[in-house]
């Protein structure tokens, strides 16, 4: 299960605070939320300090958007996994 808290910090910026598991069930809703803000031209910050699991879908998506978002709360393993194209799956 995933919990996503949205905070509009100003007219151009949004902070998404992610807690729980980003797995196959929760990933589509998360992606849809991100894409909504990208299409609106918002700058997106993702706070991942509460993320306890990320499946392959999430990992690939994060790699694809890493130049479009700011990541907050990344542990060293998660930071490395998002940048490393050979990582299969990640759990923390």
C-alpha atoms as a PDB file:
ATOM      1  CA  UNK A   1       0.000   0.000   0.000  1.00  0.00           C
ATOM      2  CA  UNK A   2       1.202   3.500  -0.787  1.00  0.00           C
ATOM      3  CA  UNK A   3       0.352   6.870   0.672  1.00  0.00           C
ATOM      4  CA  UNK A   4       1.013   9.999  -1.383  1.00  0.00           C
ATOM      5  CA  UNK A   5       0.711  13.411   0.194  1.00  0.00           C
ATOM      6  CA  UNK A   6       0.542  16.331  -2.225  1.00  0.00           C
ATOM      7  CA  UNK A   7       1.697  19.764  -1.167  1.00  0.00           C
ATOM      8  CA  UNK A   8       1.519  22.675  -3.575  1.00  0.00           C
ATOM      9  CA  UNK A   9       4.422  24.825  -2.415  1.00  0.00           C
ATOM     10  CA  UNK A  10       3.666  27.688  -4.828  1.00  0.00           C
ATOM     11  CA  UNK A  11       2.039  28.166  -8.233  1.00  0.00           C
ATOM     12  CA  UNK A  12       4.904  26.416 -10.056  1.00  0.00           C
ATOM     13  CA  UNK A  13       6.012  23.739  -7.583  1.00  0.00           C
ATOM     14  CA  UNK A  14       4.600  20.625  -5.965  1.00  0.00           C
ATOM     15  CA  UNK A  15       6.020  18.272  -3.359  1.00  0.00           C
ATOM     16  CA  UNK A  16       4.887  14.645  -3.371  1.00  0.00           C
ATOM     17  CA  UNK A  17       5.669  12.803  -0.145  1.00  0.00           C
ATOM     18  CA  UNK A  18       5.700   9.046  -0.797  1.00  0.00           C
ATOM     19  CA  UNK A  19       5.269   6.480   1.994  1.00  0.00           C
ATOM     20  CA  UNK A  20       4.920   2.712   1.826  1.00  0.00           C
ATOM     21  CA  UNK A  21       5.283   0.352  -1.112  1.00  0.00           C
ATOM     22  CA  UNK A  22       5.544   1.452  -4.734  1.00  0.00           C
ATOM     23  CA  UNK A  23       4.640  -1.858  -6.358  1.00  0.00           C
ATOM     24  CA  UNK A  24       2.657  -3.032  -9.387  1.00  0.00           C
ATOM     25  CA  UNK A  25      -0.649  -2.217  -7.700  1.00  0.00           C
ATOM     26  CA  UNK A  26       0.213   1.295  -6.560  1.00  0.00           C
ATOM     27  CA  UNK A  27       2.491   2.345  -9.417  1.00  0.00           C
ATOM     28  CA  UNK A  28      -0.199   3.350 -11.982  1.00  0.00           C
ATOM     29  CA  UNK A  29      -1.819   5.852  -9.603  1.00  0.00           C
ATOM     30  CA  UNK A  30       1.577   7.289  -8.682  1.00  0.00           C
ATOM     31  CA  UNK A  31       2.601   7.667 -12.336  1.00  0.00           C
ATOM     32  CA  UNK A  32      -0.725   9.304 -13.198  1.00  0.00           C
ATOM     33  CA  UNK A  33      -0.252  11.847 -10.404  1.00  0.00           C
ATOM     34  CA  UNK A  34       3.269  12.718 -11.580  1.00  0.00           C
ATOM     35  CA  UNK A  35       2.184  13.028 -15.199  1.00  0.00           C
ATOM     36  CA  UNK A  36      -0.663  15.364 -14.198  1.00  0.00           C
ATOM     37  CA  UNK A  37       1.853  17.771 -12.699  1.00  0.00           C
ATOM     38  CA  UNK A  38       4.331  17.420 -15.570  1.00  0.00           C
ATOM     39  CA  UNK A  39       1.580  18.272 -18.068  1.00  0.00           C
ATOM     40  CA  UNK A  40       0.605  21.302 -15.976  1.00  0.00           C
ATOM     41  CA  UNK A  41       4.204  22.521 -16.197  1.00  0.00           C
ATOM     42  CA  UNK A  42       4.856  22.117 -12.469  1.00  0.00           C
ATOM     43  CA  UNK A  43       8.265  21.484 -10.959  1.00  0.00           C
ATOM     44  CA  UNK A  44       7.969  18.216  -9.009  1.00  0.00           C
ATOM     45  CA  UNK A  45       9.866  17.238  -5.877  1.00  0.00           C
ATOM     46  CA  UNK A  46       9.579  13.653  -4.664  1.00  0.00           C
ATOM     47  CA  UNK A  47      10.304  12.960  -1.006  1.00  0.00           C
ATOM     48  CA  UNK A  48      11.048   9.242  -0.817  1.00  0.00           C
ATOM     49  CA  UNK A  49      12.174   9.047   2.808  1.00  0.00           C
ATOM     50  CA  UNK A  50       9.069   6.991   3.698  1.00  0.00           C
ATOM     51  CA  UNK A  51       9.389   4.566   0.788  1.00  0.00           C
ATOM     52  CA  UNK A  52       9.964   1.020   2.043  1.00  0.00           C
ATOM     53  CA  UNK A  53       9.802  -0.887  -1.256  1.00  0.00           C
ATOM     54  CA  UNK A  54      10.077  -0.037  -4.933  1.00  0.00           C
ATOM     55  CA  UNK A  55       9.409  -2.582  -7.669  1.00  0.00           C
ATOM     56  CA  UNK A  56      10.842  -2.671 -11.158  1.00  0.00           C
ATOM     57  CA  UNK A  57       8.105  -0.447 -12.642  1.00  0.00           C
ATOM     58  CA  UNK A  58       8.852   2.325 -10.164  1.00  0.00           C
ATOM     59  CA  UNK A  59      12.584   1.994 -10.578  1.00  0.00           C
ATOM     60  CA  UNK A  60      12.387   2.257 -14.375  1.00  0.00           C
ATOM     61  CA  UNK A  61      10.001   5.209 -14.146  1.00  0.00           C
ATOM     62  CA  UNK A  62      12.282   7.042 -11.698  1.00  0.00           C
ATOM     63  CA  UNK A  63      15.211   6.508 -14.045  1.00  0.00           C
ATOM     64  CA  UNK A  64      13.162   7.993 -16.873  1.00  0.00           C
ATOM     65  CA  UNK A  65      12.095  11.094 -14.936  1.00  0.00           C
ATOM     66  CA  UNK A  66      15.239  11.709 -12.893  1.00  0.00           C
ATOM     67  CA  UNK A  67      16.105  14.776 -15.004  1.00  0.00           C
ATOM     68  CA  UNK A  68      12.584  16.195 -14.570  1.00  0.00           C
ATOM     69  CA  UNK A  69      12.210  15.919 -10.783  1.00  0.00           C
ATOM     70  CA  UNK A  70      14.103  16.637  -7.593  1.00  0.00           C
ATOM     71  CA  UNK A  71      14.508  13.643  -5.296  1.00  0.00           C
ATOM     72  CA  UNK A  72      14.509  14.213  -1.544  1.00  0.00           C
ATOM     73  CA  UNK A  73      15.125  11.714   1.226  1.00  0.00           C
ATOM     74  CA  UNK A  74      17.073   9.233  -0.884  1.00  0.00           C
ATOM     75  CA  UNK A  75      19.219   6.757   0.974  1.00  0.00           C
ATOM     76  CA  UNK A  76      22.539   5.836  -0.649  1.00  0.00           C
ATOM     77  CA  UNK A  77      21.213   2.537  -2.022  1.00  0.00           C
ATOM     78  CA  UNK A  78      18.157   4.121  -3.612  1.00  0.00           C
ATOM     79  CA  UNK A  79      20.241   6.923  -5.128  1.00  0.00           C
ATOM     80  CA  UNK A  80      22.617   4.369  -6.651  1.00  0.00           C
ATOM     81  CA  UNK A  81      19.768   2.179  -7.936  1.00  0.00           C
ATOM     82  CA  UNK A  82      18.038   5.050  -9.727  1.00  0.00           C
ATOM     83  CA  UNK A  83      21.293   5.969 -11.460  1.00  0.00           C
ATOM     84  CA  UNK A  84      22.376   2.369 -12.227  1.00  0.00           C
ATOM     85  CA  UNK A  85      20.679   0.879 -15.293  1.00  0.00           C
ATOM     86  CA  UNK A  86      21.669  -2.696 -14.314  1.00  0.00           C
ATOM     87  CA  UNK A  87      19.785  -2.836 -10.993  1.00  0.00           C
ATOM     88  CA  UNK A  88      16.915  -5.354 -11.127  1.00  0.00           C
ATOM     89  CA  UNK A  89      14.739  -4.606  -8.112  1.00  0.00           C
ATOM     90  CA  UNK A  90      15.095  -2.772  -4.880  1.00  0.00           C
ATOM     91  CA  UNK A  91      13.805  -3.069  -1.369  1.00  0.00           C
ATOM     92  CA  UNK A  92      14.922  -1.043   1.613  1.00  0.00           C
END
